[in-house]
mmCIF file of all heavy atoms, coordinates in Angstrom:
data_MODEL
# 
_entry.id   MODEL 
# 
loop_
_atom_site.group_PDB 
_atom_site.id 
_atom_site.type_symbol 
_atom_site.label_atom_id 
_atom_site.label_alt_id 
_atom_site.label_comp_id 
_atom_site.label_asym_id 
_atom_site.label_entity_id 
_atom_site.label_seq_id 
_atom_site.pdbx_PDB_ins_code 
_atom_site.Cartn_x 
_atom_site.Cartn_y 
_atom_site.Cartn_z 
_atom_site.occupancy 
_atom_site.B_iso_or_equiv 
_atom_site.pdbx_formal_charge 
_atom_site.auth_seq_id 
_atom_site.auth_comp_id 
_atom_site.auth_asym_id 
_atom_site.auth_atom_id 
_atom_site.pdbx_PDB_model_num 
ATOM 1   N N   . TYR A 1 1  ? -25.462 -47.338 -5.881  1.00 0.00 ? 1  TYR A N   1 
ATOM 2   C CA  . TYR A 1 1  ? -25.649 -46.678 -7.173  1.00 0.00 ? 1  TYR A CA  1 
ATOM 3   C C   . TYR A 1 1  ? -26.529 -47.530 -8.078  1.00 0.00 ? 1  TYR A C   1 
ATOM 4   O O   . TYR A 1 1  ? -26.264 -48.713 -8.272  1.00 0.00 ? 1  TYR A O   1 
ATOM 5   C CB  . TYR A 1 1  ? -24.267 -46.457 -7.795  1.00 0.00 ? 1  TYR A CB  1 
ATOM 6   C CG  . TYR A 1 1  ? -24.192 -45.700 -9.099  1.00 0.00 ? 1  TYR A CG  1 
ATOM 7   C CD1 . TYR A 1 1  ? -25.236 -44.931 -9.579  1.00 0.00 ? 1  TYR A CD1 1 
ATOM 8   C CD2 . TYR A 1 1  ? -23.035 -45.755 -9.854  1.00 0.00 ? 1  TYR A CD2 1 
ATOM 9   C CE1 . TYR A 1 1  ? -25.120 -44.231 -10.773 1.00 0.00 ? 1  TYR A CE1 1 
ATOM 10  C CE2 . TYR A 1 1  ? -22.903 -45.064 -11.040 1.00 0.00 ? 1  TYR A CE2 1 
ATOM 11  C CZ  . TYR A 1 1  ? -23.959 -44.309 -11.499 1.00 0.00 ? 1  TYR A CZ  1 
ATOM 12  O OH  . TYR A 1 1  ? -23.846 -43.624 -12.681 1.00 0.00 ? 1  TYR A OH  1 
ATOM 13  N N   . SER A 1 2  ? -27.580 -46.929 -8.625  1.00 0.00 ? 2  SER A N   1 
ATOM 14  C CA  . SER A 1 2  ? -28.493 -47.616 -9.541  1.00 0.00 ? 2  SER A CA  1 
ATOM 15  C C   . SER A 1 2  ? -28.861 -46.702 -10.700 1.00 0.00 ? 2  SER A C   1 
ATOM 16  O O   . SER A 1 2  ? -28.912 -45.477 -10.548 1.00 0.00 ? 2  SER A O   1 
ATOM 17  C CB  . SER A 1 2  ? -29.802 -47.997 -8.827  1.00 0.00 ? 2  SER A CB  1 
ATOM 18  O OG  . SER A 1 2  ? -29.569 -48.887 -7.778  1.00 0.00 ? 2  SER A OG  1 
ATOM 19  N N   . LEU A 1 3  ? -29.148 -47.323 -11.849 1.00 0.00 ? 3  LEU A N   1 
ATOM 20  C CA  . LEU A 1 3  ? -29.680 -46.608 -13.010 1.00 0.00 ? 3  LEU A CA  1 
ATOM 21  C C   . LEU A 1 3  ? -30.989 -47.266 -13.418 1.00 0.00 ? 3  LEU A C   1 
ATOM 22  O O   . LEU A 1 3  ? -31.088 -48.493 -13.463 1.00 0.00 ? 3  LEU A O   1 
ATOM 23  C CB  . LEU A 1 3  ? -28.699 -46.675 -14.192 1.00 0.00 ? 3  LEU A CB  1 
ATOM 24  C CG  . LEU A 1 3  ? -27.334 -46.040 -13.994 1.00 0.00 ? 3  LEU A CG  1 
ATOM 25  C CD1 . LEU A 1 3  ? -26.437 -46.330 -15.198 1.00 0.00 ? 3  LEU A CD1 1 
ATOM 26  C CD2 . LEU A 1 3  ? -27.462 -44.538 -13.773 1.00 0.00 ? 3  LEU A CD2 1 
ATOM 27  N N   . PHE A 1 4  ? -31.988 -46.442 -13.735 1.00 0.00 ? 4  PHE A N   1 
ATOM 28  C CA  . PHE A 1 4  ? -33.289 -46.905 -14.198 1.00 0.00 ? 4  PHE A CA  1 
ATOM 29  C C   . PHE A 1 4  ? -33.585 -46.187 -15.513 1.00 0.00 ? 4  PHE A C   1 
ATOM 30  O O   . PHE A 1 4  ? -33.375 -44.984 -15.614 1.00 0.00 ? 4  PHE A O   1 
ATOM 31  C CB  . PHE A 1 4  ? -34.389 -46.549 -13.176 1.00 0.00 ? 4  PHE A CB  1 
ATOM 32  C CG  . PHE A 1 4  ? -34.130 -47.119 -11.803 1.00 0.00 ? 4  PHE A CG  1 
ATOM 33  C CD1 . PHE A 1 4  ? -33.366 -46.418 -10.887 1.00 0.00 ? 4  PHE A CD1 1 
ATOM 34  C CD2 . PHE A 1 4  ? -34.654 -48.343 -11.441 1.00 0.00 ? 4  PHE A CD2 1 
ATOM 35  C CE1 . PHE A 1 4  ? -33.126 -46.919 -9.611  1.00 0.00 ? 4  PHE A CE1 1 
ATOM 36  C CE2 . PHE A 1 4  ? -34.419 -48.864 -10.173 1.00 0.00 ? 4  PHE A CE2 1 
ATOM 37  C CZ  . PHE A 1 4  ? -33.658 -48.149 -9.255  1.00 0.00 ? 4  PHE A CZ  1 
ATOM 38  N N   . MET A 1 5  ? -34.110 -46.929 -16.521 1.00 0.00 ? 5  MET A N   1 
ATOM 39  C CA  . MET A 1 5  ? -34.317 -46.316 -17.828 1.00 0.00 ? 5  MET A CA  1 
ATOM 40  C C   . MET A 1 5  ? -35.746 -46.520 -18.328 1.00 0.00 ? 5  MET A C   1 
ATOM 41  O O   . MET A 1 5  ? -36.296 -47.609 -18.233 1.00 0.00 ? 5  MET A O   1 
ATOM 42  C CB  . MET A 1 5  ? -33.343 -46.896 -18.853 1.00 0.00 ? 5  MET A CB  1 
ATOM 43  C CG  . MET A 1 5  ? -33.428 -46.208 -20.184 1.00 0.00 ? 5  MET A CG  1 
ATOM 44  S SD  . MET A 1 5  ? -32.101 -46.577 -21.391 1.00 0.00 ? 5  MET A SD  1 
ATOM 45  C CE  . MET A 1 5  ? -31.513 -48.154 -20.985 1.00 0.00 ? 5  MET A CE  1 
ATOM 46  N N   . ARG A 1 6  ? -36.297 -45.424 -18.881 1.00 0.00 ? 6  ARG A N   1 
ATOM 47  C CA  . ARG A 1 6  ? -37.585 -45.497 -19.565 1.00 0.00 ? 6  ARG A CA  1 
ATOM 48  C C   . ARG A 1 6  ? -37.370 -46.005 -20.986 1.00 0.00 ? 6  ARG A C   1 
ATOM 49  O O   . ARG A 1 6  ? -36.255 -46.016 -21.497 1.00 0.00 ? 6  ARG A O   1 
ATOM 50  C CB  . ARG A 1 6  ? -38.231 -44.107 -19.668 1.00 0.00 ? 6  ARG A CB  1 
ATOM 51  C CG  . ARG A 1 6  ? -38.876 -43.625 -18.427 1.00 0.00 ? 6  ARG A CG  1 
ATOM 52  C CD  . ARG A 1 6  ? -39.727 -42.388 -18.586 1.00 0.00 ? 6  ARG A CD  1 
ATOM 53  N NE  . ARG A 1 6  ? -39.410 -41.486 -19.686 1.00 0.00 ? 6  ARG A NE  1 
ATOM 54  C CZ  . ARG A 1 6  ? -39.846 -40.230 -19.776 1.00 0.00 ? 6  ARG A CZ  1 
ATOM 55  N NH1 . ARG A 1 6  ? -40.618 -39.740 -18.815 1.00 0.00 ? 6  ARG A NH1 1 
ATOM 56  N NH2 . ARG A 1 6  ? -39.524 -39.474 -20.791 1.00 0.00 ? 6  ARG A NH2 1 
ATOM 57  N N   . GLU A 1 7  ? -38.467 -46.355 -21.657 1.00 0.00 ? 7  GLU A N   1 
ATOM 58  C CA  . GLU A 1 7  ? -38.410 -46.845 -23.036 1.00 0.00 ? 7  GLU A CA  1 
ATOM 59  C C   . GLU A 1 7  ? -37.792 -45.842 -23.998 1.00 0.00 ? 7  GLU A C   1 
ATOM 60  O O   . GLU A 1 7  ? -37.184 -46.225 -24.996 1.00 0.00 ? 7  GLU A O   1 
ATOM 61  C CB  . GLU A 1 7  ? -39.808 -47.194 -23.538 1.00 0.00 ? 7  GLU A CB  1 
ATOM 62  C CG  . GLU A 1 7  ? -40.407 -48.421 -22.914 1.00 0.00 ? 7  GLU A CG  1 
ATOM 63  C CD  . GLU A 1 7  ? -41.804 -48.699 -23.432 1.00 0.00 ? 7  GLU A CD  1 
ATOM 64  O OE1 . GLU A 1 7  ? -42.326 -47.929 -24.278 1.00 0.00 ? 7  GLU A OE1 1 
ATOM 65  O OE2 . GLU A 1 7  ? -42.381 -49.699 -22.989 1.00 0.00 ? 7  GLU A OE2 1 
ATOM 66  N N   . ASP A 1 8  ? -37.943 -44.549 -23.716 1.00 0.00 ? 8  ASP A N   1 
ATOM 67  C CA  . ASP A 1 8  ? -37.417 -43.518 -24.620 1.00 0.00 ? 8  ASP A CA  1 
ATOM 68  C C   . ASP A 1 8  ? -35.962 -43.156 -24.326 1.00 0.00 ? 8  ASP A C   1 
ATOM 69  O O   . ASP A 1 8  ? -35.399 -42.268 -24.959 1.00 0.00 ? 8  ASP A O   1 
ATOM 70  C CB  . ASP A 1 8  ? -38.288 -42.262 -24.577 1.00 0.00 ? 8  ASP A CB  1 
ATOM 71  C CG  . ASP A 1 8  ? -38.255 -41.550 -23.229 1.00 0.00 ? 8  ASP A CG  1 
ATOM 72  O OD1 . ASP A 1 8  ? -37.628 -42.051 -22.268 1.00 0.00 ? 8  ASP A OD1 1 
ATOM 73  O OD2 . ASP A 1 8  ? -38.871 -40.472 -23.133 1.00 0.00 ? 8  ASP A OD2 1 
ATOM 74  N N   . GLY A 1 9  ? -35.344 -43.820 -23.355 1.00 0.00 ? 9  GLY A N   1 
ATOM 75  C CA  . GLY A 1 9  ? -33.940 -43.591 -23.053 1.00 0.00 ? 9  GLY A CA  1 
ATOM 76  C C   . GLY A 1 9  ? -33.675 -42.629 -21.915 1.00 0.00 ? 9  GLY A C   1 
ATOM 77  O O   . GLY A 1 9  ? -32.512 -42.408 -21.563 1.00 0.00 ? 9  GLY A O   1 
ATOM 78  N N   . LEU A 1 10 ? -34.720 -42.052 -21.324 1.00 0.00 ? 10 LEU A N   1 
ATOM 79  C CA  . LEU A 1 10 ? -34.490 -41.189 -20.168 1.00 0.00 ? 10 LEU A CA  1 
ATOM 80  C C   . LEU A 1 10 ? -34.059 -42.065 -18.998 1.00 0.00 ? 10 LEU A C   1 
ATOM 81  O O   . LEU A 1 10 ? -34.715 -43.058 -18.678 1.00 0.00 ? 10 LEU A O   1 
ATOM 82  C CB  . LEU A 1 10 ? -35.743 -40.399 -19.805 1.00 0.00 ? 10 LEU A CB  1 
ATOM 83  C CG  . LEU A 1 10 ? -35.559 -39.378 -18.675 1.00 0.00 ? 10 LEU A CG  1 
ATOM 84  C CD1 . LEU A 1 10 ? -34.606 -38.266 -19.118 1.00 0.00 ? 10 LEU A CD1 1 
ATOM 85  C CD2 . LEU A 1 10 ? -36.894 -38.787 -18.275 1.00 0.00 ? 10 LEU A CD2 1 
ATOM 86  N N   . VAL A 1 11 ? -32.931 -41.709 -18.385 1.00 0.00 ? 11 VAL A N   1 
ATOM 87  C CA  . VAL A 1 11 ? -32.356 -42.490 -17.291 1.00 0.00 ? 11 VAL A CA  1 
ATOM 88  C C   . VAL A 1 11 ? -32.448 -41.694 -16.005 1.00 0.00 ? 11 VAL A C   1 
ATOM 89  O O   . VAL A 1 11 ? -32.085 -40.516 -15.955 1.00 0.00 ? 11 VAL A O   1 
ATOM 90  C CB  . VAL A 1 11 ? -30.872 -42.830 -17.581 1.00 0.00 ? 11 VAL A CB  1 
ATOM 91  C CG1 . VAL A 1 11 ? -30.216 -43.501 -16.382 1.00 0.00 ? 11 VAL A CG1 1 
ATOM 92  C CG2 . VAL A 1 11 ? -30.753 -43.689 -18.819 1.00 0.00 ? 11 VAL A CG2 1 
ATOM 93  N N   . PHE A 1 12 ? -32.947 -42.366 -14.960 1.00 0.00 ? 12 PHE A N   1 
ATOM 94  C CA  . PHE A 1 12 ? -32.889 -41.819 -13.604 1.00 0.00 ? 12 PHE A CA  1 
ATOM 95  C C   . PHE A 1 12 ? -31.791 -42.573 -12.880 1.00 0.00 ? 12 PHE A C   1 
ATOM 96  O O   . PHE A 1 12 ? -31.794 -43.806 -12.833 1.00 0.00 ? 12 PHE A O   1 
ATOM 97  C CB  . PHE A 1 12 ? -34.216 -42.012 -12.872 1.00 0.00 ? 12 PHE A CB  1 
ATOM 98  C CG  . PHE A 1 12 ? -34.114 -41.737 -11.394 1.00 0.00 ? 12 PHE A CG  1 
ATOM 99  C CD1 . PHE A 1 12 ? -33.994 -40.439 -10.927 1.00 0.00 ? 12 PHE A CD1 1 
ATOM 100 C CD2 . PHE A 1 12 ? -34.097 -42.781 -10.481 1.00 0.00 ? 12 PHE A CD2 1 
ATOM 101 C CE1 . PHE A 1 12 ? -33.860 -40.181 -9.566  1.00 0.00 ? 12 PHE A CE1 1 
ATOM 102 C CE2 . PHE A 1 12 ? -33.977 -42.534 -9.122  1.00 0.00 ? 12 PHE A CE2 1 
ATOM 103 C CZ  . PHE A 1 12 ? -33.858 -41.233 -8.668  1.00 0.00 ? 12 PHE A CZ  1 
ATOM 104 N N   . GLY A 1 13 ? -30.830 -41.838 -12.348 1.00 0.00 ? 13 GLY A N   1 
ATOM 105 C CA  . GLY A 1 13 ? -29.759 -42.438 -11.572 1.00 0.00 ? 13 GLY A CA  1 
ATOM 106 C C   . GLY A 1 13 ? -29.889 -42.062 -10.109 1.00 0.00 ? 13 GLY A C   1 
ATOM 107 O O   . GLY A 1 13 ? -30.396 -40.984 -9.774  1.00 0.00 ? 13 GLY A O   1 
ATOM 108 N N   . TYR A 1 14 ? -29.448 -42.959 -9.255  1.00 0.00 ? 14 TYR A N   1 
ATOM 109 C CA  . TYR A 1 14 ? -29.486 -42.726 -7.810  1.00 0.00 ? 14 TYR A CA  1 
ATOM 110 C C   . TYR A 1 14 ? -28.201 -43.263 -7.206  1.00 0.00 ? 14 TYR A C   1 
ATOM 111 O O   . TYR A 1 14 ? -27.730 -44.339 -7.572  1.00 0.00 ? 14 TYR A O   1 
ATOM 112 C CB  . TYR A 1 14 ? -30.684 -43.447 -7.175  1.00 0.00 ? 14 TYR A CB  1 
ATOM 113 C CG  . TYR A 1 14 ? -30.665 -43.374 -5.665  1.00 0.00 ? 14 TYR A CG  1 
ATOM 114 C CD1 . TYR A 1 14 ? -31.219 -42.294 -5.012  1.00 0.00 ? 14 TYR A CD1 1 
ATOM 115 C CD2 . TYR A 1 14 ? -30.060 -44.369 -4.915  1.00 0.00 ? 14 TYR A CD2 1 
ATOM 116 C CE1 . TYR A 1 14 ? -31.179 -42.207 -3.621  1.00 0.00 ? 14 TYR A CE1 1 
ATOM 117 C CE2 . TYR A 1 14 ? -30.014 -44.290 -3.528  1.00 0.00 ? 14 TYR A CE2 1 
ATOM 118 C CZ  . TYR A 1 14 ? -30.573 -43.206 -2.894  1.00 0.00 ? 14 TYR A CZ  1 
ATOM 119 O OH  . TYR A 1 14 ? -30.527 -43.114 -1.524  1.00 0.00 ? 14 TYR A OH  1 
ATOM 120 N N   . PHE A 1 15 ? -27.615 -42.509 -6.292  1.00 0.00 ? 15 PHE A N   1 
ATOM 121 C CA  . PHE A 1 15 ? -26.522 -43.021 -5.482  1.00 0.00 ? 15 PHE A CA  1 
ATOM 122 C C   . PHE A 1 15 ? -26.481 -42.266 -4.163  1.00 0.00 ? 15 PHE A C   1 
ATOM 123 O O   . PHE A 1 15 ? -27.133 -41.236 -3.988  1.00 0.00 ? 15 PHE A O   1 
ATOM 124 C CB  . PHE A 1 15 ? -25.172 -42.960 -6.221  1.00 0.00 ? 15 PHE A CB  1 
ATOM 125 C CG  . PHE A 1 15 ? -24.620 -41.581 -6.465  1.00 0.00 ? 15 PHE A CG  1 
ATOM 126 C CD1 . PHE A 1 15 ? -23.657 -41.044 -5.627  1.00 0.00 ? 15 PHE A CD1 1 
ATOM 127 C CD2 . PHE A 1 15 ? -25.027 -40.836 -7.559  1.00 0.00 ? 15 PHE A CD2 1 
ATOM 128 C CE1 . PHE A 1 15 ? -23.126 -39.780 -5.861  1.00 0.00 ? 15 PHE A CE1 1 
ATOM 129 C CE2 . PHE A 1 15 ? -24.492 -39.577 -7.815  1.00 0.00 ? 15 PHE A CE2 1 
ATOM 130 C CZ  . PHE A 1 15 ? -23.540 -39.053 -6.963  1.00 0.00 ? 15 PHE A CZ  1 
ATOM 131 N N   . GLU A 1 16 ? -25.733 -42.823 -3.235  1.00 0.00 ? 16 GLU A N   1 
ATOM 132 C CA  . GLU A 1 16 ? -25.529 -42.192 -1.937  1.00 0.00 ? 16 GLU A CA  1 
ATOM 133 C C   . GLU A 1 16 ? -24.048 -41.881 -1.813  1.00 0.00 ? 16 GLU A C   1 
ATOM 134 O O   . GLU A 1 16 ? -23.201 -42.658 -2.281  1.00 0.00 ? 16 GLU A O   1 
ATOM 135 C CB  . GLU A 1 16 ? -25.998 -43.122 -0.824  1.00 0.00 ? 16 GLU A CB  1 
ATOM 136 C CG  . GLU A 1 16 ? -27.487 -43.390 -0.911  1.00 0.00 ? 16 GLU A CG  1 
ATOM 137 C CD  . GLU A 1 16 ? -27.946 -44.532 -0.022  1.00 0.00 ? 16 GLU A CD  1 
ATOM 138 O OE1 . GLU A 1 16 ? -27.102 -45.229 0.592   1.00 0.00 ? 16 GLU A OE1 1 
ATOM 139 O OE2 . GLU A 1 16 ? -29.173 -44.746 0.046   1.00 0.00 ? 16 GLU A OE2 1 
ATOM 140 N N   . THR A 1 17 ? -23.740 -40.749 -1.209  1.00 0.00 ? 17 THR A N   1 
ATOM 141 C CA  . THR A 1 17 ? -22.357 -40.300 -1.120  1.00 0.00 ? 17 THR A CA  1 
ATOM 142 C C   . THR A 1 17 ? -22.142 -39.546 0.194   1.00 0.00 ? 17 THR A C   1 
ATOM 143 O O   . THR A 1 17 ? -23.083 -38.927 0.703   1.00 0.00 ? 17 THR A O   1 
ATOM 144 C CB  . THR A 1 17 ? -22.000 -39.425 -2.349  1.00 0.00 ? 17 THR A CB  1 
ATOM 145 O OG1 . THR A 1 17 ? -20.600 -39.194 -2.386  1.00 0.00 ? 17 THR A OG1 1 
ATOM 146 C CG2 . THR A 1 17 ? -22.766 -38.129 -2.384  1.00 0.00 ? 17 THR A CG2 1 
ATOM 147 N N   . PRO A 1 18 ? -20.956 -39.587 0.744   1.00 0.00 ? 18 PRO A N   1 
ATOM 148 C CA  . PRO A 1 18 ? -20.723 -38.939 2.035   1.00 0.00 ? 18 PRO A CA  1 
ATOM 149 C C   . PRO A 1 18 ? -20.921 -37.427 2.029   1.00 0.00 ? 18 PRO A C   1 
ATOM 150 O O   . PRO A 1 18 ? -21.386 -36.862 3.016   1.00 0.00 ? 18 PRO A O   1 
ATOM 151 C CB  . PRO A 1 18 ? -19.262 -39.272 2.355   1.00 0.00 ? 18 PRO A CB  1 
ATOM 152 C CG  . PRO A 1 18 ? -18.946 -40.471 1.546   1.00 0.00 ? 18 PRO A CG  1 
ATOM 153 C CD  . PRO A 1 18 ? -19.796 -40.376 0.316   1.00 0.00 ? 18 PRO A CD  1 
ATOM 154 N N   . GLU A 1 19 ? -20.590 -36.755 0.931   1.00 0.00 ? 19 GLU A N   1 
ATOM 155 C CA  . GLU A 1 19 ? -20.573 -35.295 0.957   1.00 0.00 ? 19 GLU A CA  1 
ATOM 156 C C   . GLU A 1 19 ? -21.656 -34.663 0.082   1.00 0.00 ? 19 GLU A C   1 
ATOM 157 O O   . GLU A 1 19 ? -22.614 -34.097 0.575   1.00 0.00 ? 19 GLU A O   1 
ATOM 158 C CB  . GLU A 1 19 ? -19.192 -34.811 0.521   1.00 0.00 ? 19 GLU A CB  1 
ATOM 159 C CG  . GLU A 1 19 ? -18.947 -33.347 0.813   1.00 0.00 ? 19 GLU A CG  1 
ATOM 160 C CD  . GLU A 1 19 ? -17.524 -32.943 0.470   1.00 0.00 ? 19 GLU A CD  1 
ATOM 161 O OE1 . GLU A 1 19 ? -16.613 -33.772 0.592   1.00 0.00 ? 19 GLU A OE1 1 
ATOM 162 O OE2 . GLU A 1 19 ? -17.341 -31.784 0.064   1.00 0.00 ? 19 GLU A OE2 1 
ATOM 163 N N   . SER A 1 20 ? -21.478 -34.718 -1.239  1.00 0.00 ? 20 SER A N   1 
ATOM 164 C CA  . SER A 1 20 ? -22.413 -34.057 -2.149  1.00 0.00 ? 20 SER A CA  1 
ATOM 165 C C   . SER A 1 20 ? -22.272 -34.639 -3.554  1.00 0.00 ? 20 SER A C   1 
ATOM 166 O O   . SER A 1 20 ? -21.269 -35.292 -3.869  1.00 0.00 ? 20 SER A O   1 
ATOM 167 C CB  . SER A 1 20 ? -22.145 -32.547 -2.221  1.00 0.00 ? 20 SER A CB  1 
ATOM 168 O OG  . SER A 1 20 ? -20.915 -32.291 -2.877  1.00 0.00 ? 20 SER A OG  1 
ATOM 169 N N   . TYR A 1 21 ? -23.261 -34.373 -4.392  1.00 0.00 ? 21 TYR A N   1 
ATOM 170 C CA  . TYR A 1 21 ? -23.209 -34.758 -5.811  1.00 0.00 ? 21 TYR A CA  1 
ATOM 171 C C   . TYR A 1 21 ? -21.948 -34.198 -6.448  1.00 0.00 ? 21 TYR A C   1 
ATOM 172 O O   . TYR A 1 21 ? -21.195 -34.916 -7.104  1.00 0.00 ? 21 TYR A O   1 
ATOM 173 C CB  . TYR A 1 21 ? -24.460 -34.229 -6.519  1.00 0.00 ? 21 TYR A CB  1 
ATOM 174 C CG  . TYR A 1 21 ? -24.418 -34.276 -8.029  1.00 0.00 ? 21 TYR A CG  1 
ATOM 175 C CD1 . TYR A 1 21 ? -24.665 -35.464 -8.705  1.00 0.00 ? 21 TYR A CD1 1 
ATOM 176 C CD2 . TYR A 1 21 ? -24.164 -33.129 -8.775  1.00 0.00 ? 21 TYR A CD2 1 
ATOM 177 C CE1 . TYR A 1 21 ? -24.644 -35.518 -10.086 1.00 0.00 ? 21 TYR A CE1 1 
ATOM 178 C CE2 . TYR A 1 21 ? -24.146 -33.171 -10.161 1.00 0.00 ? 21 TYR A CE2 1 
ATOM 179 C CZ  . TYR A 1 21 ? -24.394 -34.364 -10.813 1.00 0.00 ? 21 TYR A CZ  1 
ATOM 180 O OH  . TYR A 1 21 ? -24.376 -34.406 -12.183 1.00 0.00 ? 21 TYR A OH  1 
ATOM 181 N N   . GLN A 1 22 ? -21.690 -32.915 -6.256  1.00 0.00 ? 22 GLN A N   1 
ATOM 182 C CA  . GLN A 1 22 ? -20.552 -32.268 -6.908  1.00 0.00 ? 22 GLN A CA  1 
ATOM 183 C C   . GLN A 1 22 ? -19.227 -32.848 -6.436  1.00 0.00 ? 22 GLN A C   1 
ATOM 184 O O   . GLN A 1 22 ? -18.323 -33.069 -7.235  1.00 0.00 ? 22 GLN A O   1 
ATOM 185 C CB  . GLN A 1 22 ? -20.584 -30.753 -6.701  1.00 0.00 ? 22 GLN A CB  1 
ATOM 186 C CG  . GLN A 1 22 ? -19.649 -30.014 -7.635  1.00 0.00 ? 22 GLN A CG  1 
ATOM 187 C CD  . GLN A 1 22 ? -19.961 -30.261 -9.108  1.00 0.00 ? 22 GLN A CD  1 
ATOM 188 O OE1 . GLN A 1 22 ? -21.088 -30.063 -9.544  1.00 0.00 ? 22 GLN A OE1 1 
ATOM 189 N NE2 . GLN A 1 22 ? -18.982 -30.706 -9.864  1.00 0.00 ? 22 GLN A NE2 1 
ATOM 190 N N   . ALA A 1 23 ? -19.111 -33.122 -5.140  1.00 0.00 ? 23 ALA A N   1 
ATOM 191 C CA  . ALA A 1 23 ? -17.864 -33.703 -4.618  1.00 0.00 ? 23 ALA A CA  1 
ATOM 192 C C   . ALA A 1 23 ? -17.638 -35.095 -5.213  1.00 0.00 ? 23 ALA A C   1 
ATOM 193 O O   . ALA A 1 23 ? -16.504 -35.431 -5.601  1.00 0.00 ? 23 ALA A O   1 
ATOM 194 C CB  . ALA A 1 23 ? -17.907 -33.771 -3.102  1.00 0.00 ? 23 ALA A CB  1 
ATOM 195 N N   . ALA A 1 24 ? -18.685 -35.904 -5.303  1.00 0.00 ? 24 ALA A N   1 
ATOM 196 C CA  . ALA A 1 24 ? -18.553 -37.249 -5.881  1.00 0.00 ? 24 ALA A CA  1 
ATOM 197 C C   . ALA A 1 24 ? -18.225 -37.157 -7.370  1.00 0.00 ? 24 ALA A C   1 
ATOM 198 O O   . ALA A 1 24 ? -17.389 -37.912 -7.878  1.00 0.00 ? 24 ALA A O   1 
ATOM 199 C CB  . ALA A 1 24 ? -19.838 -38.041 -5.663  1.00 0.00 ? 24 ALA A CB  1 
# 
């Protein structure tokens, strides 16, 4: 799991999970 942020506060998050985004 990682978070990356632009100067204006927009955050891109990334993670890996066994099933799905919704399940996690």
